[in-house]
Amino acid sequence: MAAIIFMSHPMHTEAVANIKGRDEIMSMLFSVAALYGSLRFTDFGDKNG
């Protein structure tokens, strides 16, 4: 029984690791988007909308 659990464990670990890595990627993308938006606002003000 322990061997079966050990054999199936790495598959589940990889799926969880992919989900965990997604939040870091999305937070980086949104941080860059916020920085880009703030730089555009300081350069152009409120002329674009």
PDB file of N, CA and C in Angstrom:
ATOM      1  N   MET A   1       0.824  -1.188   0.000  1.00  0.00           N
ATOM      2  CA  MET A   1       0.000   0.000   0.000  1.00  0.00           C
ATOM      3  C   MET A   1       0.871   1.257   0.000  1.00  0.00           C
ATOM      4  N   ALA A   2       1.928   1.231   0.801  1.00  0.00           N
ATOM      5  CA  ALA A   2       2.816   2.389   0.857  1.00  0.00           C
ATOM      6  C   ALA A   2       3.517   2.618  -0.483  1.00  0.00           C
ATOM      7  N   ALA A   3       3.862   1.542  -1.183  1.00  0.00           N
ATOM      8  CA  ALA A   3       4.523   1.670  -2.489  1.00  0.00           C
ATOM      9  C   ALA A   3       3.590   2.302  -3.516  1.00  0.00           C
ATOM     10  N   ILE A   4       2.318   1.970  -3.461  1.00  0.00           N
ATOM     11  CA  ILE A   4       1.348   2.556  -4.394  1.00  0.00           C
ATOM     12  C   ILE A   4       1.198   4.057  -4.128  1.00  0.00           C
ATOM     13  N   ILE A   5       1.119   4.436  -2.877  1.00  0.00           N
ATOM     14  CA  ILE A   5       1.018   5.863  -2.535  1.00  0.00           C
ATOM     15  C   ILE A   5       2.280   6.597  -2.974  1.00  0.00           C
ATOM     16  N   PHE A   6       3.437   6.014  -2.749  1.00  0.00           N
ATOM     17  CA  PHE A   6       4.691   6.650  -3.126  1.00  0.00           C
ATOM     18  C   PHE A   6       4.798   6.795  -4.645  1.00  0.00           C
ATOM     19  N   MET A   7       4.309   5.817  -5.395  1.00  0.00           N
ATOM     20  CA  MET A   7       4.368   5.885  -6.856  1.00  0.00           C
ATOM     21  C   MET A   7       3.444   6.965  -7.405  1.00  0.00           C
ATOM     22  N   SER A   8       2.307   7.184  -6.797  1.00  0.00           N
ATOM     23  CA  SER A   8       1.357   8.167  -7.317  1.00  0.00           C
ATOM     24  C   SER A   8       1.633   9.576  -6.798  1.00  0.00           C
ATOM     25  N   HIS A   9       2.400   9.709  -5.762  1.00  0.00           N
ATOM     26  CA  HIS A   9       2.644  11.019  -5.140  1.00  0.00           C
ATOM     27  C   HIS A   9       3.309  12.038  -6.065  1.00  0.00           C
ATOM     28  N   PRO A  10       4.372  11.716  -6.807  1.00  0.00           N
ATOM     29  CA  PRO A  10       5.012  12.750  -7.633  1.00  0.00           C
ATOM     30  C   PRO A  10       4.087  13.358  -8.691  1.00  0.00           C
ATOM     31  N   MET A  11       3.150  12.607  -9.200  1.00  0.00           N
ATOM     32  CA  MET A  11       2.225  13.168 -10.187  1.00  0.00           C
ATOM     33  C   MET A  11       1.373  14.264  -9.565  1.00  0.00           C
ATOM     34  N   HIS A  12       0.898  14.042  -8.360  1.00  0.00           N
ATOM     35  CA  HIS A  12       0.073  15.030  -7.696  1.00  0.00           C
ATOM     36  C   HIS A  12       0.904  16.232  -7.250  1.00  0.00           C
ATOM     37  N   THR A  13       2.133  16.001  -6.891  1.00  0.00           N
ATOM     38  CA  THR A  13       3.001  17.098  -6.463  1.00  0.00           C
ATOM     39  C   THR A  13       3.265  18.058  -7.608  1.00  0.00           C
ATOM     40  N   GLU A  14       3.455  17.543  -8.803  1.00  0.00           N
ATOM     41  CA  GLU A  14       3.726  18.408  -9.951  1.00  0.00           C
ATOM     42  C   GLU A  14       2.512  19.270 -10.293  1.00  0.00           C
ATOM     43  N   ALA A  15       1.333  18.701 -10.185  1.00  0.00           N
ATOM     44  CA  ALA A  15       0.116  19.479 -10.464  1.00  0.00           C
ATOM     45  C   ALA A  15      -0.052  20.598  -9.453  1.00  0.00           C
ATOM     46  N   VAL A  16       0.230  20.331  -8.202  1.00  0.00           N
ATOM     47  CA  VAL A  16       0.116  21.358  -7.167  1.00  0.00           C
ATOM     48  C   VAL A  16       1.191  22.418  -7.358  1.00  0.00           C
ATOM     49  N   ALA A  17       2.380  22.031  -7.751  1.00  0.00           N
ATOM     50  CA  ALA A  17       3.460  22.991  -7.974  1.00  0.00           C
ATOM     51  C   ALA A  17       3.124  23.934  -9.128  1.00  0.00           C
ATOM     52  N   ASN A  18       2.460  23.433 -10.164  1.00  0.00           N
ATOM     53  CA  ASN A  18       2.058  24.297 -11.268  1.00  0.00           C
ATOM     54  C   ASN A  18       1.027  25.319 -10.820  1.00  0.00           C
ATOM     55  N   ILE A  19       0.091  24.910  -9.982  1.00  0.00           N
ATOM     56  CA  ILE A  19      -0.910  25.841  -9.467  1.00  0.00           C
ATOM     57  C   ILE A  19      -0.241  26.874  -8.582  1.00  0.00           C
ATOM     58  N   LYS A  20       0.709  26.466  -7.768  1.00  0.00           N
ATOM     59  CA  LYS A  20       1.414  27.385  -6.871  1.00  0.00           C
ATOM     60  C   LYS A  20       2.233  28.386  -7.670  1.00  0.00           C
ATOM     61  N   GLY A  21       2.842  27.970  -8.762  1.00  0.00           N
ATOM     62  CA  GLY A  21       3.651  28.878  -9.561  1.00  0.00           C
ATOM     63  C   GLY A  21       2.822  29.888 -10.336  1.00  0.00           C
ATOM     64  N   ARG A  22       1.559  29.570 -10.571  1.00  0.00           N
ATOM     65  CA  ARG A  22       0.692  30.464 -11.346  1.00  0.00           C
ATOM     66  C   ARG A  22       0.470  31.787 -10.627  1.00  0.00           C
ATOM     67  N   ASP A  23       0.319  31.782  -9.297  1.00  0.00           N
ATOM     68  CA  ASP A  23       0.068  33.033  -8.591  1.00  0.00           C
ATOM     69  C   ASP A  23       1.280  33.960  -8.650  1.00  0.00           C
ATOM     70  N   GLU A  24       2.469  33.397  -8.659  1.00  0.00           N
ATOM     71  CA  GLU A  24       3.667  34.230  -8.757  1.00  0.00           C
ATOM     72  C   GLU A  24       3.785  34.865 -10.143  1.00  0.00           C
ATOM     73  N   ILE A  25       3.458  34.104 -11.172  1.00  0.00           N
ATOM     74  CA  ILE A  25       3.517  34.638 -12.536  1.00  0.00           C
ATOM     75  C   ILE A  25       2.476  35.732 -12.721  1.00  0.00           C
ATOM     76  N   MET A  26       1.254  35.487 -12.238  1.00  0.00           N
ATOM     77  CA  MET A  26       0.194  36.481 -12.398  1.00  0.00           C
ATOM     78  C   MET A  26       0.491  37.742 -11.597  1.00  0.00           C
ATOM     79  N   SER A  27       1.046  37.617 -10.404  1.00  0.00           N
ATOM     80  CA  SER A  27       1.373  38.801  -9.621  1.00  0.00           C
ATOM     81  C   SER A  27       2.470  39.611 -10.296  1.00  0.00           C
ATOM     82  N   MET A  28       3.419  38.954 -10.929  1.00  0.00           N
ATOM     83  CA  MET A  28       4.456  39.673 -11.668  1.00  0.00           C
ATOM     84  C   MET A  28       3.860  40.400 -12.868  1.00  0.00           C
ATOM     85  N   LEU A  29       2.988  39.739 -13.613  1.00  0.00           N
ATOM     86  CA  LEU A  29       2.375  40.378 -14.774  1.00  0.00           C
ATOM     87  C   LEU A  29       1.533  41.577 -14.369  1.00  0.00           C
ATOM     88  N   PHE A  30       0.732  41.452 -13.317  1.00  0.00           N
ATOM     89  CA  PHE A  30      -0.090  42.569 -12.880  1.00  0.00           C
ATOM     90  C   PHE A  30       0.757  43.689 -12.285  1.00  0.00           C
ATOM     91  N   SER A  31       1.856  43.363 -11.653  1.00  0.00           N
ATOM     92  CA  SER A  31       2.752  44.403 -11.138  1.00  0.00           C
ATOM     93  C   SER A  31       3.375  45.204 -12.273  1.00  0.00           C
ATOM     94  N   VAL A  32       3.802  44.507 -13.321  1.00  0.00           N
ATOM     95  CA  VAL A  32       4.368  45.185 -14.481  1.00  0.00           C
ATOM     96  C   VAL A  32       3.297  46.033 -15.173  1.00  0.00           C
ATOM     97  N   ALA A  33       2.066  45.526 -15.264  1.00  0.00           N
ATOM     98  CA  ALA A  33       0.972  46.283 -15.876  1.00  0.00           C
ATOM     99  C   ALA A  33       0.651  47.531 -15.057  1.00  0.00           C
ATOM    100  N   ALA A  34       0.666  47.431 -13.736  1.00  0.00           N
ATOM    101  CA  ALA A  34       0.418  48.595 -12.885  1.00  0.00           C
ATOM    102  C   ALA A  34       1.540  49.619 -13.015  1.00  0.00           C
ATOM    103  N   LEU A  35       2.769  49.159 -13.080  1.00  0.00           N
ATOM    104  CA  LEU A  35       3.894  50.070 -13.260  1.00  0.00           C
ATOM    105  C   LEU A  35       3.809  50.777 -14.610  1.00  0.00           C
ATOM    106  N   TYR A  36       3.469  50.026 -15.652  1.00  0.00           N
ATOM    107  CA  TYR A  36       3.318  50.598 -16.987  1.00  0.00           C
ATOM    108  C   TYR A  36       2.202  51.647 -16.996  1.00  0.00           C
ATOM    109  N   GLY A  37       1.079  51.326 -16.376  1.00  0.00           N
ATOM    110  CA  GLY A  37      -0.031  52.279 -16.328  1.00  0.00           C
ATOM    111  C   GLY A  37       0.316  53.535 -15.553  1.00  0.00           C
ATOM    112  N   SER A  38       1.032  53.382 -14.458  1.00  0.00           N
ATOM    113  CA  SER A  38       1.398  54.568 -13.681  1.00  0.00           C
ATOM    114  C   SER A  38       2.426  55.423 -14.417  1.00  0.00           C
ATOM    115  N   LEU A  39       3.344  54.801 -15.137  1.00  0.00           N
ATOM    116  CA  LEU A  39       4.309  55.575 -15.913  1.00  0.00           C
ATOM    117  C   LEU A  39       3.637  56.305 -17.074  1.00  0.00           C
ATOM    118  N   ARG A  40       2.687  55.648 -17.727  1.00  0.00           N
ATOM    119  CA  ARG A  40       1.936  56.318 -18.798  1.00  0.00           C
ATOM    120  C   ARG A  40       1.140  57.496 -18.245  1.00  0.00           C
ATOM    121  N   PHE A  41       0.566  57.341 -17.070  1.00  0.00           N
ATOM    122  CA  PHE A  41      -0.216  58.424 -16.486  1.00  0.00           C
ATOM    123  C   PHE A  41       0.668  59.606 -16.130  1.00  0.00           C
ATOM    124  N   THR A  42       1.869  59.327 -15.594  1.00  0.00           N
ATOM    125  CA  THR A  42       2.745  60.438 -15.248  1.00  0.00           C
ATOM    126  C   THR A  42       3.299  61.119 -16.495  1.00  0.00           C
ATOM    127  N   ASP A  43       3.461  60.385 -17.594  1.00  0.00           N
ATOM    128  CA  ASP A  43       3.952  60.991 -18.828  1.00  0.00           C
ATOM    129  C   ASP A  43       2.857  61.789 -19.550  1.00  0.00           C
ATOM    130  N   PHE A  44       1.664  61.218 -19.654  1.00  0.00           N
ATOM    131  CA  PHE A  44       0.603  61.815 -20.467  1.00  0.00           C
ATOM    132  C   PHE A  44      -0.499  62.452 -19.646  1.00  0.00           C
ATOM    133  N   GLY A  45      -0.532  62.240 -18.362  1.00  0.00           N
ATOM    134  CA  GLY A  45      -1.620  62.765 -17.538  1.00  0.00           C
ATOM    135  C   GLY A  45      -2.923  62.071 -17.852  1.00  0.00           C
ATOM    136  N   ASP A  46      -3.998  62.837 -17.887  1.00  0.00           N
ATOM    137  CA  ASP A  46      -5.316  62.258 -18.143  1.00  0.00           C
ATOM    138  C   ASP A  46      -5.795  62.601 -19.546  1.00  0.00           C
ATOM    139  N   LYS A  47      -4.882  62.713 -20.502  1.00  0.00           N
ATOM    140  CA  LYS A  47      -5.231  63.080 -21.877  1.00  0.00           C
ATOM    141  C   LYS A  47      -5.834  61.916 -22.649  1.00  0.00           C
ATOM    142  N   ASN A  48      -5.542  60.663 -22.247  1.00  0.00           N
ATOM    143  CA  ASN A  48      -5.959  59.500 -23.022  1.00  0.00           C
ATOM    144  C   ASN A  48      -7.315  58.957 -22.603  1.00  0.00           C
ATOM    145  N   GLY A  49      -8.006  59.576 -21.749  1.00  0.00           N
ATOM    146  CA  GLY A  49      -9.275  58.977 -21.386  1.00  0.00           C
ATOM    147  C   GLY A  49      -9.877  59.652 -20.285  1.00  0.00           C
TER     148      GLY A  49
END
